[in-house]
Amino acid sequence: MINSLKKGNTITTRLAKNFNYFKRFYSFSAPAAPPPSPLFGGGGGGGGQRQLILVSQDWTRPKDPPLSLGHASLLTNLRLHQVDVIERSWSVNAPDFSSDSVTDFIMNNVREDGRTDVALGAFVWNEHSTKAILRNLKKHRFPGRIILGGPQASYLKSNIESYYPEVDYFIRGYAESAIVDLMKSNVDDDLLISTPTMIATSTGTSKPTSVGGTTPCSSGNNNKTKGIHRAGALPDLGLSATADLETLPSPFLSGTIKPQRFMRWETQRGCPFRCAFCQHRESDSDSDSHVRRHMSLTRTLQESEWITNNPVIQDLAVLDPIFNSGPNYLEILDQLLRGRYSGKLSLQCRLEMVKEPFLDRVSRLKDQGCQVVLEFGLQTIHAAEQKLIDRPNNIKRVVQILKEVGQRAIQTEISLIYGLPLQTVETFKETIDFCRTHAPNNAVIHAFPLMLLRGTPLFHRKHELGIIESNEIVSDNNIIPRLQSTPDSLVDIPHVVASPSFTYQDWKEMTKLSEQLEIDNQRIQLNN
């Protein structure tokens, strides 16, 4: 582990002095048959550990890694806690994908003793296939617990069973720690519901704790984990699990994710802003949803070193909703500079929060051969539209930063949304013209159709605002990246196609404008 790192590096030297802290993020070996937990009755009441089949249904591109980052994070923590887990990932947009193949894999891997559970993540792009798999599992009498997480479950705060009647347990929120608790629980006991109280931990203690996504309570002898809801249990408080990002093991340093040319990376989760169309807000109903949570800086810097020590990695997309926020982002860039990272680096940033020290480091990375791409979500320049979606822009500051970025010749991508309430074809054109006027000459401009994601304020206000959705795809050339459809279902992901301010025909005209932007982008990328 430590010996494989570059000798003399100050980060390595500092971490090596505290190996007990350092090793949490690194590789581990789980025995083939871990001993049963005395607190949880071996995970099932009959001795021996239960098995988990962990299923991921992703929307992928050819360059994507074989494991998504979220799936890998779950898998890494399960292995760390010696849960017997089988994992498999599918691409739902692959031509040969079918929900039947997922069902067959699950049923073919059920243990002879039947003590096998299955966990799936529900996302907007796999909603149809997930429901088909759930129906199939019940049809084939899957013997174990069916567990469902992901945003589609996390943002349903009540009556969740009516959406997914086949599911036995739901995990809302960040599931890494909660799913470990569930797999260590006794299947016959009412241990885990979405009510915060004491938990029994895998270390053999039963005192209240806030580590691992649980919330302490001053009373109660039942062992319950926040964020896990057993189907039919009342009351369902709609609470969400959290994961202690300071202690989660790293999918990279543990070897779960292998280095390849394109990688995704995260240094923080959540967002301090409150955009009405966005799911980056926390899903919990009993807390401030506008929370930004950071991975351990120790882990993040070590992952940065791992990245620069693997030169095969030449395209790095950072998933942080707003990378240039919080206390650590400059130090992360410093570590990439020290490691002389020279591949592509894509960073999602807030335009108004860009500061000189950040641009200085980006320029230095660029000078040493790194292709830094700053991705800015502008959405719209019009105040009335901004107010309705709770996404204000300081236009004067936006113009200033775009000018500075252009002067430094830093690659830029700007994202817009069409189909917004109060938007018209003319206001959409004005936003595009603004970008063409003020963005750097080589800037890539995207415009994506509005989707009403479950749990967002716009989702809840769609009837009030007179918003109309459709799953029809009008992009004849399939050129807009987020006009998505699934070959398995032939049911496309719904988009907003009309509102009191624009007709369906207007929306199709805006789609044509978005297509033209993508044609322009292709020409820009060829010239770069």
Protein backbone atom coordinates (compact mmCIF):
# COMPACT_ATOMS: atom_id res chain seq x y z
CA MET A 1 0.00 0.00 0.00
CA ILE A 2 2.25 2.79 1.25
CA ASN A 3 5.30 1.31 -0.45
CA SER A 4 3.56 1.60 -3.80
CA LEU A 5 3.40 5.38 -3.54
CA LYS A 6 6.05 7.81 -4.64
CA LYS A 7 8.76 8.10 -2.03
CA GLY A 8 9.51 11.53 -0.68
CA ASN A 9 6.06 12.96 -1.42
CA THR A 10 5.00 15.16 1.49
CA ILE A 11 1.44 13.88 1.43
CA THR A 12 2.61 10.25 1.62
CA THR A 13 5.05 11.01 4.41
CA ARG A 14 2.43 12.78 6.48
CA LEU A 15 -0.14 10.03 6.04
CA ALA A 16 2.33 7.26 6.79
CA LYS A 17 2.80 8.69 10.28
CA ASN A 18 -0.78 7.81 11.11
CA PHE A 19 -1.39 4.49 9.42
CA ASN A 20 -4.47 3.71 11.50
CA TYR A 21 -6.18 6.75 9.97
CA PHE A 22 -4.73 6.21 6.51
CA LYS A 23 -5.66 2.54 6.12
CA ARG A 24 -9.40 3.24 6.28
CA PHE A 25 -9.36 4.42 2.69
CA TYR A 26 -7.04 1.70 1.39
CA SER A 27 -7.31 -1.90 0.31
CA PHE A 28 -8.66 -4.63 2.50
CA SER A 29 -9.32 -8.34 2.19
CA ALA A 30 -12.64 -9.85 3.20
CA PRO A 31 -12.74 -13.53 4.19
CA ALA A 32 -14.86 -15.77 2.00
CA ALA A 33 -17.12 -16.66 4.91
CA PRO A 34 -17.01 -13.94 7.58
CA PRO A 35 -18.18 -14.92 11.07
CA PRO A 36 -21.76 -14.06 11.98
CA SER A 37 -22.37 -10.96 14.06
CA PRO A 38 -23.56 -11.83 17.58
CA LEU A 39 -25.56 -8.59 17.80
CA PHE A 40 -27.52 -9.16 14.63
CA GLY A 41 -27.88 -12.93 14.76
CA GLY A 42 -25.62 -13.47 11.76
CA GLY A 43 -27.77 -11.35 9.48
CA GLY A 44 -30.83 -13.53 9.40
CA GLY A 45 -31.75 -15.38 12.54
CA GLY A 46 -30.55 -18.81 11.49
CA GLY A 47 -26.78 -18.53 11.67
CA GLY A 48 -24.54 -17.65 8.77
CA GLN A 49 -24.43 -14.50 6.73
CA ARG A 50 -27.00 -13.40 4.19
CA GLN A 51 -25.87 -12.80 0.63
CA LEU A 52 -26.55 -9.57 -1.28
CA ILE A 53 -26.90 -9.18 -5.05
CA LEU A 54 -26.09 -5.54 -5.85
CA VAL A 55 -27.52 -4.39 -9.18
CA SER A 56 -26.66 -1.22 -11.09
CA GLN A 57 -28.53 -0.01 -14.18
CA ASP A 58 -26.61 2.90 -15.66
CA TRP A 59 -26.93 5.27 -18.58
CA THR A 60 -23.51 4.95 -20.17
CA ARG A 61 -21.30 6.15 -22.97
CA PRO A 62 -18.65 4.02 -24.69
CA LYS A 63 -15.82 5.65 -22.71
CA ASP A 64 -17.40 5.09 -19.28
CA PRO A 65 -15.74 2.84 -16.66
CA PRO A 66 -17.32 -0.58 -16.10
CA LEU A 67 -18.46 0.47 -12.60
CA SER A 68 -20.27 3.72 -11.86
CA LEU A 69 -18.80 5.69 -8.97
CA GLY A 70 -21.90 5.40 -6.79
CA HIS A 71 -22.16 1.65 -7.33
CA ALA A 72 -18.45 1.25 -6.59
CA SER A 73 -18.76 3.25 -3.36
CA LEU A 74 -21.55 0.97 -2.12
CA LEU A 75 -19.60 -2.13 -3.13
CA THR A 76 -16.41 -0.96 -1.45
CA ASN A 77 -18.11 -0.29 1.89
CA LEU A 78 -19.98 -3.61 1.78
CA ARG A 79 -16.73 -5.46 1.21
CA LEU A 80 -15.00 -3.52 3.96
CA HIS A 81 -17.69 -4.71 6.38
CA GLN A 82 -17.37 -8.29 5.09
CA VAL A 83 -20.82 -8.53 3.54
CA ASP A 84 -21.13 -11.42 1.09
CA VAL A 85 -21.95 -9.48 -2.07
CA ILE A 86 -22.30 -10.29 -5.79
CA GLU A 87 -22.43 -7.27 -8.08
CA ARG A 88 -23.38 -6.69 -11.70
CA SER A 89 -23.83 -3.56 -13.83
CA TRP A 90 -25.91 -3.08 -16.97
CA SER A 91 -26.17 -0.25 -19.45
CA VAL A 92 -29.87 0.49 -19.91
CA ASN A 93 -29.23 2.34 -23.17
CA ALA A 94 -27.35 -0.57 -24.75
CA PRO A 95 -29.19 -2.05 -27.76
CA ASP A 96 -29.26 -5.54 -26.25
CA PHE A 97 -30.35 -4.53 -22.73
CA SER A 98 -33.46 -6.15 -21.31
CA SER A 99 -34.95 -6.25 -17.84
CA ASP A 100 -35.42 -10.00 -18.27
CA SER A 101 -31.64 -10.49 -18.40
CA VAL A 102 -31.29 -8.68 -15.07
CA THR A 103 -34.01 -10.82 -13.53
CA ASP A 104 -32.37 -14.00 -14.83
CA PHE A 105 -29.01 -12.99 -13.34
CA ILE A 106 -30.59 -12.36 -9.95
CA MET A 107 -32.58 -15.60 -9.85
CA ASN A 108 -29.62 -17.67 -11.08
CA ASN A 109 -27.47 -16.36 -8.20
CA VAL A 110 -29.86 -17.06 -5.33
CA ARG A 111 -28.17 -19.30 -2.77
CA GLU A 112 -29.56 -22.76 -2.20
CA ASP A 113 -30.62 -21.82 1.33
CA GLY A 114 -32.59 -18.86 -0.08
CA ARG A 115 -30.82 -16.38 2.19
CA THR A 116 -30.14 -13.93 -0.62
CA ASP A 117 -31.27 -10.30 -0.81
CA VAL A 118 -31.17 -7.98 -3.80
CA ALA A 119 -30.58 -4.21 -3.89
CA LEU A 120 -31.32 -1.92 -6.83
CA GLY A 121 -30.95 1.82 -7.39
CA ALA A 122 -33.89 3.64 -8.99
CA PHE A 123 -33.02 6.57 -11.27
CA VAL A 124 -35.05 8.53 -13.79
CA TRP A 125 -33.34 6.69 -16.66
CA ASN A 126 -34.09 3.19 -15.34
CA GLU A 127 -37.53 3.70 -13.80
CA HIS A 128 -39.27 1.51 -16.37
CA SER A 129 -36.78 -1.35 -16.25
CA THR A 130 -36.60 -1.24 -12.45
CA LYS A 131 -40.36 -1.66 -12.16
CA ALA A 132 -40.25 -4.52 -14.68
CA ILE A 133 -37.50 -6.27 -12.69
CA LEU A 134 -39.43 -5.86 -9.43
CA ARG A 135 -42.54 -7.39 -10.99
CA ASN A 136 -40.48 -10.26 -12.40
CA LEU A 137 -38.85 -10.98 -9.04
CA LYS A 138 -42.25 -11.32 -7.39
CA LYS A 139 -43.50 -13.41 -10.27
CA HIS A 140 -40.55 -15.78 -9.88
CA ARG A 141 -40.94 -15.78 -6.07
CA PHE A 142 -37.58 -14.33 -5.20
CA PRO A 143 -37.03 -15.66 -1.66
CA GLY A 144 -35.10 -12.81 -0.04
CA ARG A 145 -35.55 -9.15 0.78
CA ILE A 146 -35.93 -6.71 -2.11
CA ILE A 147 -34.18 -3.42 -1.29
CA LEU A 148 -34.60 -0.22 -3.29
CA GLY A 149 -32.64 3.04 -3.09
CA GLY A 150 -31.63 5.84 -5.43
CA PRO A 151 -33.16 9.27 -6.12
CA GLN A 152 -36.50 7.90 -7.33
CA ALA A 153 -37.00 6.38 -3.87
CA SER A 154 -35.17 9.02 -1.83
CA TYR A 155 -37.41 11.87 -2.94
CA LEU A 156 -40.67 10.02 -2.25
CA LYS A 157 -41.46 11.10 1.29
CA SER A 158 -44.80 9.35 1.69
CA ASN A 159 -46.87 6.55 0.16
CA ILE A 160 -43.71 5.08 -1.35
CA GLU A 161 -45.18 1.56 -1.37
CA SER A 162 -47.76 2.58 -3.97
CA TYR A 163 -44.95 3.35 -6.43
CA TYR A 164 -42.99 0.15 -5.75
CA PRO A 165 -45.36 -2.40 -4.14
CA GLU A 166 -42.94 -5.31 -4.60
CA VAL A 167 -40.19 -3.78 -2.41
CA ASP A 168 -39.55 -4.97 1.15
CA TYR A 169 -37.12 -2.25 2.31
CA PHE A 170 -36.42 1.25 1.04
CA ILE A 171 -33.23 3.22 1.67
CA ARG A 172 -33.58 6.96 1.24
CA GLY A 173 -30.48 9.13 0.94
CA TYR A 174 -26.83 8.07 0.85
CA ALA A 175 -26.96 4.30 1.20
CA GLU A 176 -23.34 3.22 1.84
CA SER A 177 -23.68 2.80 5.60
CA ALA A 178 -27.41 2.08 5.78
CA ILE A 179 -27.19 -0.94 3.49
CA VAL A 180 -24.44 -2.41 5.67
CA ASP A 181 -26.69 -2.01 8.72
CA LEU A 182 -29.56 -3.65 6.87
CA MET A 183 -27.45 -6.61 5.75
CA LYS A 184 -26.28 -7.10 9.33
CA SER A 185 -29.84 -7.03 10.65
CA ASN A 186 -32.07 -9.95 11.57
CA VAL A 187 -34.61 -10.46 8.81
CA ASP A 188 -37.25 -11.51 11.34
CA ASP A 189 -36.92 -8.51 13.64
CA ASP A 190 -38.36 -5.03 13.24
CA LEU A 191 -34.93 -3.44 13.58
CA LEU A 192 -34.79 -0.96 10.79
CA ILE A 193 -37.34 1.71 9.97
CA SER A 194 -37.16 5.38 9.08
CA THR A 195 -37.35 6.51 12.72
CA PRO A 196 -34.14 7.80 14.34
CA THR A 197 -33.06 6.05 17.52
CA MET A 198 -30.26 3.83 18.83
CA ILE A 199 -28.43 1.33 16.64
CA ALA A 200 -26.34 -1.72 17.28
CA THR A 201 -23.00 -1.35 15.53
CA SER A 202 -20.74 -3.92 13.96
CA THR A 203 -18.15 -3.17 16.66
CA GLY A 204 -20.35 -4.79 19.29
CA THR A 205 -21.64 -1.65 21.00
CA SER A 206 -25.22 -0.48 21.30
CA LYS A 207 -24.72 3.10 22.46
CA PRO A 208 -26.25 5.95 20.44
CA THR A 209 -24.06 7.05 17.57
CA SER A 210 -24.22 9.37 14.58
CA VAL A 211 -21.63 7.50 12.50
CA GLY A 212 -22.75 5.50 9.49
CA GLY A 213 -25.85 7.44 8.56
CA THR A 214 -27.65 6.96 11.89
CA THR A 215 -29.10 9.45 14.31
CA PRO A 216 -28.94 9.04 18.09
CA CYS A 217 -32.03 9.30 20.22
CA SER A 218 -32.30 9.74 23.95
CA SER A 219 -34.68 6.84 24.42
CA GLY A 220 -35.72 3.56 22.93
CA ASN A 221 -34.33 0.06 23.23
CA ASN A 222 -35.19 -0.95 19.67
CA ASN A 223 -32.34 -0.93 17.20
CA LYS A 224 -33.29 1.27 14.28
CA THR A 225 -31.37 2.97 11.51
CA LYS A 226 -32.35 6.31 10.07
CA GLY A 227 -33.24 6.24 6.40
CA ILE A 228 -34.32 2.58 6.15
CA HIS A 229 -38.07 2.10 5.78
CA ARG A 230 -39.68 -1.32 5.94
CA ALA A 231 -42.62 -1.51 3.54
CA GLY A 232 -45.87 -1.04 5.43
CA ALA A 233 -44.26 0.12 8.68
CA LEU A 234 -45.81 3.17 10.32
CA PRO A 235 -45.09 5.92 10.86
CA ASP A 236 -42.98 6.57 7.77
CA LEU A 237 -41.24 9.83 8.63
CA GLY A 238 -39.57 10.06 5.23
CA LEU A 239 -36.12 10.42 6.75
CA SER A 240 -32.94 9.90 4.75
CA ALA A 241 -29.72 8.12 5.57
CA THR A 242 -26.42 9.95 5.55
CA ALA A 243 -22.97 8.50 5.15
CA ASP A 244 -19.96 9.64 7.15
CA LEU A 245 -17.85 10.85 4.24
CA GLU A 246 -14.88 11.25 6.58
CA THR A 247 -14.64 7.48 7.04
CA LEU A 248 -15.99 5.94 3.84
CA PRO A 249 -13.38 3.77 2.10
CA SER A 250 -12.16 4.90 -1.31
CA PRO A 251 -13.26 2.87 -4.37
CA PHE A 252 -9.98 3.91 -6.03
CA LEU A 253 -7.51 3.22 -3.24
CA SER A 254 -9.23 -0.08 -2.36
CA GLY A 255 -8.90 -1.36 -5.92
CA THR A 256 -12.64 -1.57 -6.62
CA ILE A 257 -12.22 0.86 -9.52
CA LYS A 258 -9.23 0.21 -11.76
CA PRO A 259 -7.46 3.04 -13.57
CA GLN A 260 -8.56 3.60 -17.15
CA ARG A 261 -8.47 6.48 -19.62
CA PHE A 262 -11.75 8.11 -18.50
CA MET A 263 -12.62 8.33 -14.82
CA ARG A 264 -15.24 10.07 -12.70
CA TRP A 265 -14.26 11.47 -9.30
CA GLU A 266 -16.00 13.20 -6.41
CA THR A 267 -14.59 15.32 -3.58
CA GLN A 268 -17.91 16.52 -2.13
CA ARG A 269 -21.64 15.85 -2.26
CA GLY A 270 -24.62 18.13 -2.06
CA CYS A 271 -25.01 21.79 -2.92
CA PRO A 272 -25.49 24.96 -0.84
CA PHE A 273 -27.90 26.42 -3.41
CA ARG A 274 -31.58 25.70 -3.96
CA CYS A 275 -32.24 25.51 -7.72
CA ALA A 276 -35.84 24.38 -8.17
CA PHE A 277 -35.01 21.90 -10.95
CA CYS A 278 -32.07 20.14 -9.28
CA GLN A 279 -31.77 16.95 -7.18
CA HIS A 280 -28.35 17.78 -5.73
CA ARG A 281 -30.07 19.01 -2.59
CA GLU A 282 -30.26 16.58 0.34
CA SER A 283 -33.35 14.38 0.24
CA ASP A 284 -34.03 14.51 4.00
CA SER A 285 -37.23 16.20 5.08
CA ASP A 286 -36.14 16.91 8.65
CA SER A 287 -32.98 18.91 7.94
CA ASP A 288 -31.63 21.75 5.88
CA SER A 289 -31.53 20.26 2.41
CA HIS A 290 -28.93 22.71 1.11
CA VAL A 291 -25.91 20.98 2.60
CA ARG A 292 -22.47 20.43 1.09
CA ARG A 293 -20.59 17.44 2.50
CA HIS A 294 -16.91 16.83 1.87
CA MET A 295 -14.92 13.68 1.53
CA SER A 296 -12.02 13.48 3.94
CA LEU A 297 -9.26 15.78 2.68
CA THR A 298 -6.81 13.01 3.54
CA ARG A 299 -8.67 10.61 1.26
CA THR A 300 -9.13 13.19 -1.50
CA LEU A 301 -5.45 14.15 -1.62
CA GLN A 302 -4.44 10.51 -1.64
CA GLU A 303 -6.86 9.81 -4.48
CA SER A 304 -5.38 12.77 -6.33
CA GLU A 305 -1.94 11.23 -5.94
CA TRP A 306 -3.32 7.87 -7.13
CA ILE A 307 -4.67 9.60 -10.22
CA THR A 308 -1.36 11.26 -11.08
CA ASN A 309 0.53 8.03 -10.38
CA ASN A 310 -1.57 6.27 -13.04
CA PRO A 311 -0.76 8.03 -16.33
CA VAL A 312 -3.33 5.89 -18.17
CA ILE A 313 -5.92 8.29 -16.68
CA GLN A 314 -6.21 11.04 -19.28
CA ASP A 315 -9.79 12.25 -18.87
CA LEU A 316 -11.06 13.14 -15.40
CA ALA A 317 -14.62 14.36 -14.80
CA VAL A 318 -15.20 15.74 -11.31
CA LEU A 319 -18.84 15.16 -10.28
CA ASP A 320 -18.98 17.83 -7.54
CA PRO A 321 -22.03 20.01 -8.25
CA ILE A 322 -19.91 23.11 -7.58
CA PHE A 323 -16.21 22.28 -7.44
CA ASN A 324 -15.09 25.86 -6.70
CA SER A 325 -16.82 25.94 -3.34
CA GLY A 326 -15.91 24.87 0.15
CA PRO A 327 -12.55 24.83 1.94
CA ASN A 328 -10.57 22.25 -0.05
CA TYR A 329 -10.77 22.88 -3.78
CA LEU A 330 -7.59 24.95 -4.06
CA GLU A 331 -5.58 22.35 -2.15
CA ILE A 332 -6.93 19.64 -4.45
CA LEU A 333 -5.74 21.59 -7.50
CA ASP A 334 -2.36 22.10 -5.80
CA GLN A 335 -1.99 18.33 -5.44
CA LEU A 336 -2.81 17.80 -9.12
CA LEU A 337 -0.19 20.41 -9.92
CA ARG A 338 2.39 18.65 -7.76
CA GLY A 339 1.60 15.38 -9.50
CA ARG A 340 1.87 17.11 -12.90
CA TYR A 341 -1.48 15.84 -14.11
CA SER A 342 -1.60 16.45 -17.87
CA GLY A 343 -4.89 14.92 -19.02
CA LYS A 344 -8.30 16.47 -19.42
CA LEU A 345 -9.91 17.84 -16.24
CA SER A 346 -13.61 18.80 -16.29
CA LEU A 347 -14.84 20.92 -13.37
CA GLN A 348 -18.43 22.02 -12.74
CA CYS A 349 -18.24 25.54 -11.33
CA ARG A 350 -20.43 28.45 -10.29
CA LEU A 351 -19.56 31.45 -12.45
CA GLU A 352 -20.05 34.12 -9.80
CA MET A 353 -17.84 32.20 -7.33
CA VAL A 354 -14.77 32.07 -9.60
CA LYS A 355 -11.86 33.87 -7.96
CA GLU A 356 -8.35 34.82 -8.98
CA PRO A 357 -6.52 32.10 -6.98
CA PHE A 358 -8.68 29.46 -8.68
CA LEU A 359 -8.00 30.83 -12.17
CA ASP A 360 -4.29 31.08 -11.37
CA ARG A 361 -4.12 27.38 -10.56
CA VAL A 362 -6.19 26.46 -13.61
CA SER A 363 -3.80 28.48 -15.77
CA ARG A 364 -0.80 26.71 -14.22
CA LEU A 365 -2.38 23.32 -14.89
CA LYS A 366 -3.01 24.43 -18.46
CA ASP A 367 0.64 25.54 -18.81
CA GLN A 368 1.89 22.09 -17.78
CA GLY A 369 -0.25 20.41 -20.43
CA CYS A 370 -3.54 19.81 -18.63
CA GLN A 371 -6.70 20.42 -20.66
CA VAL A 372 -8.91 22.08 -18.05
CA VAL A 373 -12.56 22.55 -19.00
CA LEU A 374 -14.68 24.79 -16.78
CA GLU A 375 -18.36 23.88 -16.99
CA PHE A 376 -20.74 26.67 -16.04
CA GLY A 377 -24.49 26.23 -15.59
CA LEU A 378 -26.01 29.56 -16.59
CA GLN A 379 -29.52 28.24 -17.46
CA THR A 380 -31.06 31.63 -18.38
CA ILE A 381 -30.21 35.34 -18.29
CA HIS A 382 -33.77 36.53 -17.65
CA ALA A 383 -34.63 37.62 -14.12
CA ALA A 384 -38.26 36.43 -14.14
CA GLU A 385 -37.23 32.93 -15.27
CA GLN A 386 -34.36 32.89 -12.78
CA LYS A 387 -36.67 33.81 -9.91
CA LEU A 388 -39.16 31.07 -10.69
CA ILE A 389 -36.50 28.37 -10.79
CA ASP A 390 -34.68 29.89 -7.77
CA ARG A 391 -31.47 30.25 -9.79
CA PRO A 392 -30.38 33.90 -9.76
CA ASN A 393 -27.39 35.03 -11.82
CA ASN A 394 -25.30 38.13 -11.21
CA ILE A 395 -25.08 39.03 -14.89
CA LYS A 396 -22.47 41.74 -14.40
CA ARG A 397 -20.21 39.28 -12.58
CA VAL A 398 -20.93 36.58 -15.19
CA VAL A 399 -19.75 38.88 -17.98
CA GLN A 400 -16.61 39.77 -16.03
CA ILE A 401 -15.64 36.14 -15.33
CA LEU A 402 -16.32 35.01 -18.89
CA LYS A 403 -14.02 37.80 -20.09
CA GLU A 404 -11.25 36.75 -17.68
CA VAL A 405 -11.58 33.09 -18.65
CA GLY A 406 -11.38 34.07 -22.31
CA GLN A 407 -8.27 36.18 -21.73
CA ARG A 408 -6.59 33.17 -20.15
CA ALA A 409 -7.71 30.94 -23.07
CA ILE A 410 -9.31 28.44 -20.66
CA GLN A 411 -11.74 26.03 -22.28
CA THR A 412 -15.32 26.72 -21.29
CA GLU A 413 -18.66 24.95 -21.51
CA ILE A 414 -21.92 26.74 -20.73
CA SER A 415 -25.18 24.91 -20.04
CA LEU A 416 -28.64 26.36 -20.61
CA ILE A 417 -32.12 24.96 -20.04
CA TYR A 418 -35.07 25.30 -22.38
CA GLY A 419 -38.66 24.58 -21.49
CA LEU A 420 -38.51 26.73 -18.34
CA PRO A 421 -41.72 28.24 -16.99
CA LEU A 422 -42.18 31.83 -18.28
CA GLN A 423 -39.65 31.15 -21.05
CA THR A 424 -40.46 31.93 -24.68
CA VAL A 425 -38.67 31.21 -27.92
CA GLU A 426 -37.47 34.83 -27.94
CA THR A 427 -36.08 34.79 -24.39
CA PHE A 428 -34.33 31.51 -25.14
CA LYS A 429 -32.77 33.04 -28.25
CA GLU A 430 -31.64 36.05 -26.17
CA THR A 431 -29.91 33.76 -23.69
CA ILE A 432 -28.11 31.98 -26.54
CA ASP A 433 -27.10 35.32 -28.08
CA PHE A 434 -25.77 36.50 -24.71
CA CYS A 435 -23.53 33.44 -24.49
CA ARG A 436 -22.27 33.87 -28.04
CA THR A 437 -21.48 37.53 -27.31
CA HIS A 438 -19.72 37.18 -23.96
CA ALA A 439 -18.32 33.64 -23.85
CA PRO A 440 -14.82 32.89 -25.15
CA ASN A 441 -14.63 32.22 -28.87
CA ASN A 442 -14.05 28.49 -28.41
CA ALA A 443 -16.76 28.05 -25.75
CA VAL A 444 -19.08 25.08 -26.10
CA ILE A 445 -22.73 25.94 -25.44
CA HIS A 446 -25.28 23.25 -24.57
CA ALA A 447 -29.02 23.67 -24.12
CA PHE A 448 -30.87 20.82 -22.44
CA PRO A 449 -34.63 20.26 -22.14
CA LEU A 450 -36.13 20.71 -18.69
CA MET A 451 -36.96 17.49 -16.87
CA LEU A 452 -39.10 17.53 -13.72
CA LEU A 453 -37.01 15.37 -11.43
CA ARG A 454 -38.84 13.70 -8.57
CA GLY A 455 -38.76 15.66 -5.33
CA THR A 456 -37.70 19.00 -6.81
CA PRO A 457 -39.81 22.14 -6.22
CA LEU A 458 -40.70 22.33 -9.92
CA PHE A 459 -41.89 18.71 -9.78
CA HIS A 460 -44.26 19.58 -6.95
CA ARG A 461 -45.48 22.78 -8.66
CA LYS A 462 -46.07 21.42 -12.15
CA HIS A 463 -49.87 21.58 -11.93
CA GLU A 464 -49.82 25.02 -10.35
CA LEU A 465 -47.52 26.29 -13.11
CA GLY A 466 -49.45 24.62 -15.91
CA ILE A 467 -46.44 22.58 -17.04
CA ILE A 468 -47.07 19.80 -19.56
CA GLU A 469 -44.74 16.81 -19.95
CA SER A 470 -44.32 14.33 -22.79
CA ASN A 471 -41.98 11.46 -23.57
CA GLU A 472 -41.97 12.25 -27.28
CA ILE A 473 -38.53 12.81 -28.76
CA VAL A 474 -38.54 15.48 -31.46
CA SER A 475 -34.78 15.58 -32.04
CA ASP A 476 -34.66 13.80 -35.38
CA ASN A 477 -30.87 13.45 -35.32
CA ASN A 478 -30.76 12.36 -31.66
CA ILE A 479 -28.06 15.00 -31.31
CA ILE A 480 -29.02 16.50 -27.94
CA PRO A 481 -27.25 14.44 -25.24
CA ARG A 482 -30.05 14.49 -22.67
CA LEU A 483 -32.97 13.58 -24.91
CA GLN A 484 -32.86 10.01 -23.64
CA SER A 485 -34.79 6.88 -24.53
CA THR A 486 -34.35 3.27 -23.51
CA PRO A 487 -34.32 0.43 -26.05
CA ASP A 488 -35.78 -1.97 -23.48
CA SER A 489 -38.95 -0.02 -22.89
CA LEU A 490 -39.40 2.23 -25.88
CA VAL A 491 -40.67 4.65 -23.21
CA ASP A 492 -38.66 7.84 -23.24
CA ILE A 493 -37.82 9.99 -20.24
CA PRO A 494 -40.44 12.74 -19.91
CA HIS A 495 -39.49 16.35 -20.65
CA VAL A 496 -41.43 19.56 -20.30
CA VAL A 497 -42.90 20.36 -23.71
CA ALA A 498 -45.38 23.16 -23.00
CA SER A 499 -46.39 25.75 -20.42
CA PRO A 500 -48.53 28.90 -20.43
CA SER A 501 -45.58 30.83 -21.92
CA PHE A 502 -44.77 28.49 -24.83
CA THR A 503 -46.62 25.99 -26.96
CA TYR A 504 -45.55 22.54 -28.04
CA GLN A 505 -44.61 23.99 -31.43
CA ASP A 506 -42.50 26.61 -29.65
CA TRP A 507 -40.76 23.83 -27.72
CA LYS A 508 -39.93 22.04 -30.96
CA GLU A 509 -38.45 25.29 -32.28
CA MET A 510 -36.31 25.58 -29.13
CA THR A 511 -35.21 22.00 -29.66
CA LYS A 512 -34.04 22.92 -33.17
CA LEU A 513 -32.03 25.82 -31.71
CA SER A 514 -30.46 23.38 -29.24
CA GLU A 515 -29.60 21.01 -32.08
CA GLN A 516 -27.86 23.85 -33.93
CA LEU A 517 -25.77 24.55 -30.85
CA GLU A 518 -24.59 20.93 -30.86
CA ILE A 519 -23.68 21.20 -34.56
CA ASP A 520 -21.67 24.34 -33.75
CA ASN A 521 -20.02 22.51 -30.85
CA GLN A 522 -18.86 19.73 -33.13
CA ARG A 523 -17.20 22.28 -35.37
CA ILE A 524 -15.52 23.96 -32.38
CA GLN A 525 -14.20 20.66 -31.07
CA LEU A 526 -12.78 19.76 -34.49
CA ASN A 527 -10.92 23.07 -34.58
CA ASN A 528 -9.50 22.74 -31.05
